[in-house]
Amino acid sequence: VAMISYADHLYFGILADYEVAADVNQLTRGIENAVAR
């Protein structure tokens, strides 16, 4: 996971091995939901 701030947002980028993370979007959605909570 890498993060960088830009203007008024914090951006997350997640790189994953193809075999282990069939739905890497689950990790990014989880970050959004965790911050919202």
Full PDB file with SEQRES, HELIX, SHEET, SSBOND, CRYST1, ORIGX, SCALE, CONECT and MASTER records, all heavy atoms in Angstrom:
SEQRES   1 A   37  VAL ALA MET ILE SER TYR ALA ASP HIS LEU TYR PHE GLY          
SEQRES   2 A   37  ILE LEU ALA ASP TYR GLU VAL ALA ALA ASP VAL ASN GLN          
SEQRES   3 A   37  LEU THR ARG GLY ILE GLU ASN ALA VAL ALA ARG                  
HELIX    1 AA1 ASN A   25  ALA A   36  1                                  12    
SHEET    1 AA1 2 ALA A   2  TYR A   6  0                                        
SHEET    2 AA1 2 HIS A   9  GLY A  13 -1                                        
CRYST1    1.000    1.000    1.000  90.00  90.00  90.00 P 1           1          
ORIGX1      1.000000  0.000000  0.000000        0.00000                         
ORIGX2      0.000000  1.000000  0.000000        0.00000                         
ORIGX3      0.000000  0.000000  1.000000        0.00000                         
SCALE1      1.000000  0.000000  0.000000        0.00000                         
SCALE2      0.000000  1.000000  0.000000        0.00000                         
SCALE3      0.000000  0.000000  1.000000        0.00000                         
ATOM      1  N   VAL A   1       0.850  -1.189   0.000  1.00  0.00           N  
ATOM      2  CA  VAL A   1       0.000   0.000   0.000  1.00  0.00           C  
ATOM      3  C   VAL A   1       0.887   1.241   0.000  1.00  0.00           C  
ATOM      4  O   VAL A   1       1.828   1.344   0.792  1.00  0.00           O  
ATOM      5  CB  VAL A   1      -0.927   0.051   1.229  1.00  0.00           C  
ATOM      6  CG1 VAL A   1      -1.874   1.246   1.141  1.00  0.00           C  
ATOM      7  CG2 VAL A   1      -1.704  -1.247   1.377  1.00  0.00           C  
ATOM      8  N   ALA A   2       0.619   2.161  -0.900  1.00  0.00           N  
ATOM      9  CA  ALA A   2       1.315   3.449  -0.925  1.00  0.00           C  
ATOM     10  C   ALA A   2       0.284   4.556  -0.800  1.00  0.00           C  
ATOM     11  O   ALA A   2      -0.859   4.421  -1.258  1.00  0.00           O  
ATOM     12  CB  ALA A   2       2.114   3.610  -2.212  1.00  0.00           C  
ATOM     13  N   MET A   3       0.690   5.652  -0.160  1.00  0.00           N  
ATOM     14  CA  MET A   3      -0.203   6.792   0.036  1.00  0.00           C  
ATOM     15  C   MET A   3       0.527   8.074  -0.344  1.00  0.00           C  
ATOM     16  O   MET A   3       1.734   8.191  -0.120  1.00  0.00           O  
ATOM     17  CB  MET A   3      -0.640   6.895   1.498  1.00  0.00           C  
ATOM     18  CG  MET A   3      -1.447   5.723   2.008  1.00  0.00           C  
ATOM     19  SD  MET A   3      -1.560   5.712   3.825  1.00  0.00           S  
ATOM     20  CE  MET A   3      -0.071   4.790   4.251  1.00  0.00           C  
ATOM     21  N   ILE A   4      -0.201   9.017  -0.900  1.00  0.00           N  
ATOM     22  CA  ILE A   4       0.351  10.335  -1.178  1.00  0.00           C  
ATOM     23  C   ILE A   4      -0.761  11.366  -1.031  1.00  0.00           C  
ATOM     24  O   ILE A   4      -1.909  11.126  -1.426  1.00  0.00           O  
ATOM     25  CB  ILE A   4       0.979  10.415  -2.595  1.00  0.00           C  
ATOM     26  CG1 ILE A   4       1.707  11.742  -2.782  1.00  0.00           C  
ATOM     27  CG2 ILE A   4      -0.066  10.216  -3.681  1.00  0.00           C  
ATOM     28  CD1 ILE A   4       2.547  11.815  -4.048  1.00  0.00           C  
ATOM     29  N   SER A   5      -0.434  12.481  -0.418  1.00  0.00           N  
ATOM     30  CA  SER A   5      -1.402  13.570  -0.306  1.00  0.00           C  
ATOM     31  C   SER A   5      -1.277  14.462  -1.535  1.00  0.00           C  
ATOM     32  O   SER A   5      -0.180  14.722  -2.024  1.00  0.00           O  
ATOM     33  CB  SER A   5      -1.145  14.378   0.966  1.00  0.00           C  
ATOM     34  OG  SER A   5       0.180  14.887   0.973  1.00  0.00           O  
ATOM     35  N   TYR A   6      -2.414  14.906  -2.030  1.00  0.00           N  
ATOM     36  CA  TYR A   6      -2.418  15.833  -3.161  1.00  0.00           C  
ATOM     37  C   TYR A   6      -3.617  16.753  -3.019  1.00  0.00           C  
ATOM     38  O   TYR A   6      -4.762  16.298  -2.954  1.00  0.00           O  
ATOM     39  CB  TYR A   6      -2.476  15.074  -4.485  1.00  0.00           C  
ATOM     40  CG  TYR A   6      -2.709  15.965  -5.684  1.00  0.00           C  
ATOM     41  CD1 TYR A   6      -1.856  17.043  -5.949  1.00  0.00           C  
ATOM     42  CD2 TYR A   6      -3.783  15.760  -6.541  1.00  0.00           C  
ATOM     43  CE1 TYR A   6      -2.081  17.871  -7.036  1.00  0.00           C  
ATOM     44  CE2 TYR A   6      -4.009  16.572  -7.639  1.00  0.00           C  
ATOM     45  CZ  TYR A   6      -3.147  17.636  -7.873  1.00  0.00           C  
ATOM     46  OH  TYR A   6      -3.362  18.471  -8.946  1.00  0.00           O  
ATOM     47  N   ALA A   7      -3.335  18.059  -2.955  1.00  0.00           N  
ATOM     48  CA  ALA A   7      -4.385  19.070  -2.800  1.00  0.00           C  
ATOM     49  C   ALA A   7      -5.226  18.737  -1.565  1.00  0.00           C  
ATOM     50  O   ALA A   7      -4.715  18.712  -0.454  1.00  0.00           O  
ATOM     51  CB  ALA A   7      -5.218  19.173  -4.070  1.00  0.00           C  
ATOM     52  N   ASP A   8      -6.500  18.420  -1.744  1.00  0.00           N  
ATOM     53  CA  ASP A   8      -7.387  18.232  -0.596  1.00  0.00           C  
ATOM     54  C   ASP A   8      -7.783  16.774  -0.381  1.00  0.00           C  
ATOM     55  O   ASP A   8      -8.791  16.485   0.263  1.00  0.00           O  
ATOM     56  CB  ASP A   8      -8.646  19.086  -0.760  1.00  0.00           C  
ATOM     57  CG  ASP A   8      -9.330  18.869  -2.111  1.00  0.00           C  
ATOM     58  OD1 ASP A   8      -8.818  18.049  -2.901  1.00  0.00           O  
ATOM     59  OD2 ASP A   8     -10.356  19.516  -2.364  1.00  0.00           O  
ATOM     60  N   HIS A   9      -6.991  15.813  -0.909  1.00  0.00           N  
ATOM     61  CA  HIS A   9      -7.292  14.401  -0.731  1.00  0.00           C  
ATOM     62  C   HIS A   9      -6.027  13.608  -0.387  1.00  0.00           C  
ATOM     63  O   HIS A   9      -4.904  14.048  -0.685  1.00  0.00           O  
ATOM     64  CB  HIS A   9      -7.924  13.789  -1.988  1.00  0.00           C  
ATOM     65  CG  HIS A   9      -9.373  14.121  -2.162  1.00  0.00           C  
ATOM     66  ND1 HIS A   9      -9.796  15.337  -2.663  1.00  0.00           N  
ATOM     67  CD2 HIS A   9     -10.511  13.415  -1.893  1.00  0.00           C  
ATOM     68  CE1 HIS A   9     -11.131  15.362  -2.710  1.00  0.00           C  
ATOM     69  NE2 HIS A   9     -11.576  14.204  -2.239  1.00  0.00           N  
ATOM     70  N   LEU A  10      -6.226  12.469   0.247  1.00  0.00           N  
ATOM     71  CA  LEU A  10      -5.154  11.499   0.448  1.00  0.00           C  
ATOM     72  C   LEU A  10      -5.457  10.318  -0.469  1.00  0.00           C  
ATOM     73  O   LEU A  10      -6.548   9.737  -0.419  1.00  0.00           O  
ATOM     74  CB  LEU A  10      -5.101  11.041   1.911  1.00  0.00           C  
ATOM     75  CG  LEU A  10      -3.993  10.036   2.251  1.00  0.00           C  
ATOM     76  CD1 LEU A  10      -2.611  10.644   2.051  1.00  0.00           C  
ATOM     77  CD2 LEU A  10      -4.143   9.537   3.689  1.00  0.00           C  
ATOM     78  N   TYR A  11      -4.488   9.969  -1.311  1.00  0.00           N  
ATOM     79  CA  TYR A  11      -4.673   8.939  -2.325  1.00  0.00           C  
ATOM     80  C   TYR A  11      -3.968   7.653  -1.896  1.00  0.00           C  
ATOM     81  O   TYR A  11      -2.822   7.677  -1.436  1.00  0.00           O  
ATOM     82  CB  TYR A  11      -4.116   9.410  -3.667  1.00  0.00           C  
ATOM     83  CG  TYR A  11      -4.929  10.510  -4.304  1.00  0.00           C  
ATOM     84  CD1 TYR A  11      -4.820  11.831  -3.858  1.00  0.00           C  
ATOM     85  CD2 TYR A  11      -5.832  10.243  -5.319  1.00  0.00           C  
ATOM     86  CE1 TYR A  11      -5.587  12.841  -4.422  1.00  0.00           C  
ATOM     87  CE2 TYR A  11      -6.595  11.250  -5.894  1.00  0.00           C  
ATOM     88  CZ  TYR A  11      -6.472  12.547  -5.438  1.00  0.00           C  
ATOM     89  OH  TYR A  11      -7.232  13.545  -5.990  1.00  0.00           O  
ATOM     90  N   PHE A  12      -4.656   6.523  -2.076  1.00  0.00           N  
ATOM     91  CA  PHE A  12      -4.129   5.203  -1.754  1.00  0.00           C  
ATOM     92  C   PHE A  12      -3.959   4.416  -3.061  1.00  0.00           C  
ATOM     93  O   PHE A  12      -4.876   4.390  -3.897  1.00  0.00           O  
ATOM     94  CB  PHE A  12      -5.072   4.427  -0.840  1.00  0.00           C  
ATOM     95  CG  PHE A  12      -5.267   5.030   0.526  1.00  0.00           C  
ATOM     96  CD1 PHE A  12      -6.110   6.124   0.707  1.00  0.00           C  
ATOM     97  CD2 PHE A  12      -4.632   4.489   1.637  1.00  0.00           C  
ATOM     98  CE1 PHE A  12      -6.312   6.668   1.964  1.00  0.00           C  
ATOM     99  CE2 PHE A  12      -4.820   5.034   2.901  1.00  0.00           C  
ATOM    100  CZ  PHE A  12      -5.657   6.125   3.062  1.00  0.00           C  
ATOM    101  N   GLY A  13      -2.821   3.757  -3.205  1.00  0.00           N  
ATOM    102  CA  GLY A  13      -2.613   2.842  -4.312  1.00  0.00           C  
ATOM    103  C   GLY A  13      -2.200   1.487  -3.765  1.00  0.00           C  
ATOM    104  O   GLY A  13      -1.292   1.399  -2.942  1.00  0.00           O  
ATOM    105  N   ILE A  14      -2.885   0.423  -4.190  1.00  0.00           N  
ATOM    106  CA  ILE A  14      -2.600  -0.926  -3.700  1.00  0.00           C  
ATOM    107  C   ILE A  14      -2.209  -1.807  -4.879  1.00  0.00           C  
ATOM    108  O   ILE A  14      -2.987  -1.964  -5.834  1.00  0.00           O  
ATOM    109  CB  ILE A  14      -3.804  -1.530  -2.969  1.00  0.00           C  
ATOM    110  CG1 ILE A  14      -4.197  -0.650  -1.775  1.00  0.00           C  
ATOM    111  CG2 ILE A  14      -3.496  -2.952  -2.499  1.00  0.00           C  
ATOM    112  CD1 ILE A  14      -5.394  -1.172  -0.996  1.00  0.00           C  
ATOM    113  N   LEU A  15      -1.006  -2.361  -4.816  1.00  0.00           N  
ATOM    114  CA  LEU A  15      -0.566  -3.343  -5.799  1.00  0.00           C  
ATOM    115  C   LEU A  15      -0.580  -4.707  -5.128  1.00  0.00           C  
ATOM    116  O   LEU A  15      -0.120  -4.851  -3.989  1.00  0.00           O  
ATOM    117  CB  LEU A  15       0.839  -3.016  -6.309  1.00  0.00           C  
ATOM    118  CG  LEU A  15       1.307  -3.831  -7.518  1.00  0.00           C  
ATOM    119  CD1 LEU A  15       0.488  -3.456  -8.760  1.00  0.00           C  
ATOM    120  CD2 LEU A  15       2.790  -3.628  -7.794  1.00  0.00           C  
ATOM    121  N   ALA A  16      -1.103  -5.711  -5.817  1.00  0.00           N  
ATOM    122  CA  ALA A  16      -1.231  -7.041  -5.233  1.00  0.00           C  
ATOM    123  C   ALA A  16      -0.861  -8.095  -6.268  1.00  0.00           C  
ATOM    124  O   ALA A  16      -0.985  -7.870  -7.482  1.00  0.00           O  
ATOM    125  CB  ALA A  16      -2.659  -7.278  -4.738  1.00  0.00           C  
ATOM    126  N   ASP A  17      -0.386  -9.217  -5.776  1.00  0.00           N  
ATOM    127  CA  ASP A  17      -0.147 -10.341  -6.665  1.00  0.00           C  
ATOM    128  C   ASP A  17      -1.471 -10.835  -7.233  1.00  0.00           C  
ATOM    129  O   ASP A  17      -2.492 -10.885  -6.528  1.00  0.00           O  
ATOM    130  CB  ASP A  17       0.557 -11.474  -5.907  1.00  0.00           C  
ATOM    131  CG  ASP A  17       0.925 -12.624  -6.816  1.00  0.00           C  
ATOM    132  OD1 ASP A  17       1.913 -12.502  -7.553  1.00  0.00           O  
ATOM    133  OD2 ASP A  17       0.203 -13.640  -6.802  1.00  0.00           O  
ATOM    134  N   TYR A  18      -1.471 -11.197  -8.490  1.00  0.00           N  
ATOM    135  CA  TYR A  18      -2.701 -11.573  -9.180  1.00  0.00           C  
ATOM    136  C   TYR A  18      -3.381 -12.770  -8.533  1.00  0.00           C  
ATOM    137  O   TYR A  18      -4.611 -12.832  -8.430  1.00  0.00           O  
ATOM    138  CB  TYR A  18      -2.378 -11.893 -10.643  1.00  0.00           C  
ATOM    139  CG  TYR A  18      -3.586 -12.036 -11.530  1.00  0.00           C  
ATOM    140  CD1 TYR A  18      -4.119 -10.927 -12.187  1.00  0.00           C  
ATOM    141  CD2 TYR A  18      -4.212 -13.273 -11.719  1.00  0.00           C  
ATOM    142  CE1 TYR A  18      -5.236 -11.052 -13.000  1.00  0.00           C  
ATOM    143  CE2 TYR A  18      -5.320 -13.397 -12.524  1.00  0.00           C  
ATOM    144  CZ  TYR A  18      -5.835 -12.283 -13.167  1.00  0.00           C  
ATOM    145  OH  TYR A  18      -6.943 -12.404 -13.969  1.00  0.00           O  
ATOM    146  N   GLU A  19      -2.573 -13.732  -8.045  1.00  0.00           N  
ATOM    147  CA  GLU A  19      -3.134 -14.977  -7.531  1.00  0.00           C  
ATOM    148  C   GLU A  19      -3.742 -14.819  -6.146  1.00  0.00           C  
ATOM    149  O   GLU A  19      -4.646 -15.566  -5.775  1.00  0.00           O  
ATOM    150  CB  GLU A  19      -2.047 -16.054  -7.493  1.00  0.00           C  
ATOM    151  CG  GLU A  19      -1.424 -16.353  -8.847  1.00  0.00           C  
ATOM    152  CD  GLU A  19      -2.438 -16.921  -9.834  1.00  0.00           C  
ATOM    153  OE1 GLU A  19      -3.464 -17.484  -9.392  1.00  0.00           O  
ATOM    154  OE2 GLU A  19      -2.208 -16.792 -11.050  1.00  0.00           O  
ATOM    155  N   VAL A  20      -3.234 -13.862  -5.344  1.00  0.00           N  
ATOM    156  CA  VAL A  20      -3.660 -13.780  -3.948  1.00  0.00           C  
ATOM    157  C   VAL A  20      -4.800 -12.792  -3.721  1.00  0.00           C  
ATOM    158  O   VAL A  20      -5.501 -12.858  -2.729  1.00  0.00           O  
ATOM    159  CB  VAL A  20      -2.467 -13.405  -3.039  1.00  0.00           C  
ATOM    160  CG1 VAL A  20      -2.141 -11.920  -3.161  1.00  0.00           C  
ATOM    161  CG2 VAL A  20      -2.748 -13.767  -1.586  1.00  0.00           C  
ATOM    162  N   ALA A  21      -4.987 -11.861  -4.652  1.00  0.00           N  
ATOM    163  CA  ALA A  21      -6.002 -10.814  -4.460  1.00  0.00           C  
ATOM    164  C   ALA A  21      -6.923 -10.763  -5.672  1.00  0.00           C  
ATOM    165  O   ALA A  21      -6.805  -9.903  -6.537  1.00  0.00           O  
ATOM    166  CB  ALA A  21      -5.343  -9.460  -4.248  1.00  0.00           C  
ATOM    167  N   ALA A  22      -7.845 -11.726  -5.715  1.00  0.00           N  
ATOM    168  CA  ALA A  22      -8.767 -11.778  -6.847  1.00  0.00           C  
ATOM    169  C   ALA A  22      -9.608 -10.509  -6.935  1.00  0.00           C  
ATOM    170  O   ALA A  22     -10.000 -10.083  -8.014  1.00  0.00           O  
ATOM    171  CB  ALA A  22      -9.668 -13.011  -6.727  1.00  0.00           C  
ATOM    172  N   ASP A  23      -9.881  -9.905  -5.800  1.00  0.00           N  
ATOM    173  CA  ASP A  23     -10.642  -8.657  -5.778  1.00  0.00           C  
ATOM    174  C   ASP A  23      -9.872  -7.628  -4.964  1.00  0.00           C  
ATOM    175  O   ASP A  23     -10.185  -7.384  -3.792  1.00  0.00           O  
ATOM    176  CB  ASP A  23     -12.036  -8.883  -5.191  1.00  0.00           C  
ATOM    177  CG  ASP A  23     -12.904  -7.626  -5.295  1.00  0.00           C  
ATOM    178  OD1 ASP A  23     -12.475  -6.663  -5.984  1.00  0.00           O  
ATOM    179  OD2 ASP A  23     -13.975  -7.594  -4.673  1.00  0.00           O  
ATOM    180  N   VAL A  24      -8.843  -7.027  -5.579  1.00  0.00           N  
ATOM    181  CA  VAL A  24      -8.047  -6.034  -4.860  1.00  0.00           C  
ATOM    182  C   VAL A  24      -8.886  -4.818  -4.513  1.00  0.00           C  
ATOM    183  O   VAL A  24      -8.574  -4.076  -3.574  1.00  0.00           O  
ATOM    184  CB  VAL A  24      -6.807  -5.652  -5.696  1.00  0.00           C  
ATOM    185  CG1 VAL A  24      -7.205  -4.868  -6.939  1.00  0.00           C  
ATOM    186  CG2 VAL A  24      -5.801  -4.865  -4.864  1.00  0.00           C  
ATOM    187  N   ASN A  25      -9.994  -4.631  -5.256  1.00  0.00           N  
ATOM    188  CA  ASN A  25     -10.879  -3.506  -4.949  1.00  0.00           C  
ATOM    189  C   ASN A  25     -11.507  -3.639  -3.565  1.00  0.00           C  
ATOM    190  O   ASN A  25     -11.935  -2.641  -2.981  1.00  0.00           O  
ATOM    191  CB  ASN A  25     -11.983  -3.401  -6.007  1.00  0.00           C  
ATOM    192  CG  ASN A  25     -11.443  -3.053  -7.375  1.00  0.00           C  
ATOM    193  OD1 ASN A  25     -10.528  -2.250  -7.488  1.00  0.00           O  
ATOM    194  ND2 ASN A  25     -11.975  -3.673  -8.403  1.00  0.00           N  
ATOM    195  N   GLN A  26     -11.555  -4.856  -3.041  1.00  0.00           N  
ATOM    196  CA  GLN A  26     -12.090  -5.044  -1.692  1.00  0.00           C  
ATOM    197  C   GLN A  26     -11.236  -4.306  -0.666  1.00  0.00           C  
ATOM    198  O   GLN A  26     -11.759  -3.751   0.307  1.00  0.00           O  
ATOM    199  CB  GLN A  26     -12.145  -6.529  -1.347  1.00  0.00           C  
ATOM    200  CG  GLN A  26     -12.725  -6.824   0.038  1.00  0.00           C  
ATOM    201  CD  GLN A  26     -12.721  -8.304   0.369  1.00  0.00           C  
ATOM    202  OE1 GLN A  26     -12.229  -9.133  -0.396  1.00  0.00           O  
ATOM    203  NE2 GLN A  26     -13.279  -8.651   1.529  1.00  0.00           N  
ATOM    204  N   LEU A  27      -9.934  -4.268  -0.898  1.00  0.00           N  
ATOM    205  CA  LEU A  27      -9.041  -3.552   0.019  1.00  0.00           C  
ATOM    206  C   LEU A  27      -9.268  -2.041  -0.057  1.00  0.00           C  
ATOM    207  O   LEU A  27      -9.297  -1.363   0.971  1.00  0.00           O  
ATOM    208  CB  LEU A  27      -7.592  -3.887  -0.289  1.00  0.00           C  
ATOM    209  CG  LEU A  27      -7.097  -5.253   0.211  1.00  0.00           C  
ATOM    210  CD1 LEU A  27      -5.727  -5.575  -0.375  1.00  0.00           C  
ATOM    211  CD2 LEU A  27      -7.045  -5.276   1.733  1.00  0.00           C  
ATOM    212  N   THR A  28      -9.419  -1.513  -1.264  1.00  0.00           N  
ATOM    213  CA  THR A  28      -9.629  -0.065  -1.376  1.00  0.00           C  
ATOM    214  C   THR A  28     -11.005   0.340  -0.857  1.00  0.00           C  
ATOM    215  O   THR A  28     -11.149   1.375  -0.195  1.00  0.00           O  
ATOM    216  CB  THR A  28      -9.449   0.404  -2.829  1.00  0.00           C  
ATOM    217  OG1 THR A  28     -10.240  -0.407  -3.709  1.00  0.00           O  
ATOM    218  CG2 THR A  28      -7.990   0.316  -3.249  1.00  0.00           C  
ATOM    219  N   ARG A  29     -12.025  -0.485  -1.139  1.00  0.00           N  
ATOM    220  CA  ARG A  29     -13.359  -0.183  -0.584  1.00  0.00           C  
ATOM    221  C   ARG A  29     -13.323  -0.237   0.937  1.00  0.00           C  
ATOM    222  O   ARG A  29     -13.981   0.552   1.623  1.00  0.00           O  
ATOM    223  CB  ARG A  29     -14.396  -1.163  -1.126  1.00  0.00           C  
ATOM    224  CG  ARG A  29     -14.765  -0.960  -2.585  1.00  0.00           C  
ATOM    225  CD  ARG A  29     -16.047  -1.711  -2.915  1.00  0.00           C  
ATOM    226  NE  ARG A  29     -15.919  -3.142  -2.616  1.00  0.00           N  
ATOM    227  CZ  ARG A  29     -15.509  -4.057  -3.493  1.00  0.00           C  
ATOM    228  NH1 ARG A  29     -15.167  -3.695  -4.720  1.00  0.00           N  
ATOM    229  NH2 ARG A  29     -15.447  -5.335  -3.154  1.00  0.00           N  
ATOM    230  N   GLY A  30     -12.548  -1.170   1.479  1.00  0.00           N  
ATOM    231  CA  GLY A  30     -12.434  -1.276   2.925  1.00  0.00           C  
ATOM    232  C   GLY A  30     -11.830  -0.040   3.557  1.00  0.00           C  
ATOM    233  O   GLY A  30     -12.235   0.378   4.654  1.00  0.00           O  
ATOM    234  N   ILE A  31     -10.848   0.562   2.867  1.00  0.00           N  
ATOM    235  CA  ILE A  31     -10.238   1.800   3.367  1.00  0.00           C  
ATOM    236  C   ILE A  31     -11.266   2.928   3.372  1.00  0.00           C  
ATOM    237  O   ILE A  31     -11.398   3.673   4.349  1.00  0.00           O  
ATOM    238  CB  ILE A  31      -9.012   2.162   2.515  1.00  0.00           C  
ATOM    239  CG1 ILE A  31      -7.895   1.147   2.740  1.00  0.00           C  
ATOM    240  CG2 ILE A  31      -8.537   3.583   2.832  1.00  0.00           C  
ATOM    241  CD1 ILE A  31      -6.719   1.302   1.798  1.00  0.00           C  
ATOM    242  N   GLU A  32     -12.014   3.060   2.283  1.00  0.00           N  
ATOM    243  CA  GLU A  32     -13.049   4.094   2.215  1.00  0.00           C  
ATOM    244  C   GLU A  32     -14.059   3.924   3.350  1.00  0.00           C  
ATOM    245  O   GLU A  32     -14.417   4.895   4.042  1.00  0.00           O  
ATOM    246  CB  GLU A  32     -13.780   4.007   0.873  1.00  0.00           C  
ATOM    247  CG  GLU A  32     -12.930   4.288  -0.348  1.00  0.00           C  
ATOM    248  CD  GLU A  32     -13.685   3.965  -1.627  1.00  0.00           C  
ATOM    249  OE1 GLU A  32     -14.898   3.647  -1.541  1.00  0.00           O  
ATOM    250  OE2 GLU A  32     -13.080   4.008  -2.705  1.00  0.00           O  
ATOM    251  N   ASN A  33     -14.529   2.694   3.544  1.00  0.00           N  
ATOM    252  CA  ASN A  33     -15.545   2.438   4.568  1.00  0.00           C  
ATOM    253  C   ASN A  33     -14.999   2.680   5.973  1.00  0.00           C  
ATOM    254  O   ASN A  33     -15.718   3.180   6.851  1.00  0.00           O  
ATOM    255  CB  ASN A  33     -16.064   1.003   4.447  1.00  0.00           C  
ATOM    256  CG  ASN A  33     -16.814   0.762   3.144  1.00  0.00           C  
ATOM    257  OD1 ASN A  33     -17.340   1.686   2.540  1.00  0.00           O  
ATOM    258  ND2 ASN A  33     -16.860  -0.490   2.705  1.00  0.00           N  
ATOM    259  N   ALA A  34     -13.732   2.323   6.195  1.00  0.00           N  
ATOM    260  CA  ALA A  34     -13.135   2.508   7.520  1.00  0.00           C  
ATOM    261  C   ALA A  34     -13.027   3.985   7.872  1.00  0.00           C  
ATOM    262  O   ALA A  34     -13.335   4.395   9.000  1.00  0.00           O  
ATOM    263  CB  ALA A  34     -11.763   1.850   7.570  1.00  0.00           C  
ATOM    264  N   VAL A  35     -12.596   4.808   6.906  1.00  0.00           N  
ATOM    265  CA  VAL A  35     -12.510   6.245   7.157  1.00  0.00           C  
ATOM    266  C   VAL A  35     -13.897   6.825   7.384  1.00  0.00           C  
ATOM    267  O   VAL A  35     -14.117   7.638   8.302  1.00  0.00           O  
ATOM    268  CB  VAL A  35     -11.807   6.963   5.993  1.00  0.00           C  
ATOM    269  CG1 VAL A  35     -11.885   8.485   6.162  1.00  0.00           C  
ATOM    270  CG2 VAL A  35     -10.344   6.533   5.888  1.00  0.00           C  
ATOM    271  N   ALA A  36     -14.870   6.407   6.573  1.00  0.00           N  
ATOM    272  CA  ALA A  36     -16.240   6.921   6.733  1.00  0.00           C  
ATOM    273  C   ALA A  36     -16.789   6.577   8.112  1.00  0.00           C  
ATOM    274  O   ALA A  36     -17.479   7.394   8.744  1.00  0.00           O  
ATOM    275  CB  ALA A  36     -17.133   6.345   5.637  1.00  0.00           C  
ATOM    276  N   ARG A  37     -16.496   5.384   8.606  1.00  0.00           N  
ATOM    277  CA  ARG A  37     -17.000   5.005   9.928  1.00  0.00           C  
ATOM    278  C   ARG A  37     -16.358   5.846  11.023  1.00  0.00           C  
ATOM    279  O   ARG A  37     -17.022   6.304  11.951  1.00  0.00           O  
ATOM    280  CB  ARG A  37     -16.732   3.515  10.177  1.00  0.00           C  
ATOM    281  CG  ARG A  37     -17.251   3.033  11.518  1.00  0.00           C  
ATOM    282  CD  ARG A  37     -17.666   1.593  11.499  1.00  0.00           C  
ATOM    283  NE  ARG A  37     -16.546   0.686  11.326  1.00  0.00           N  
ATOM    284  CZ  ARG A  37     -16.462  -0.498  11.955  1.00  0.00           C  
ATOM    285  NH1 ARG A  37     -17.420  -0.861  12.799  1.00  0.00           N  
ATOM    286  NH2 ARG A  37     -15.452  -1.296  11.739  1.00  0.00           N  
TER     287      ARG A  37                                                      
MASTER        0    0    0    1    2    0    0    6  286    1    0    3          
END                                                                             
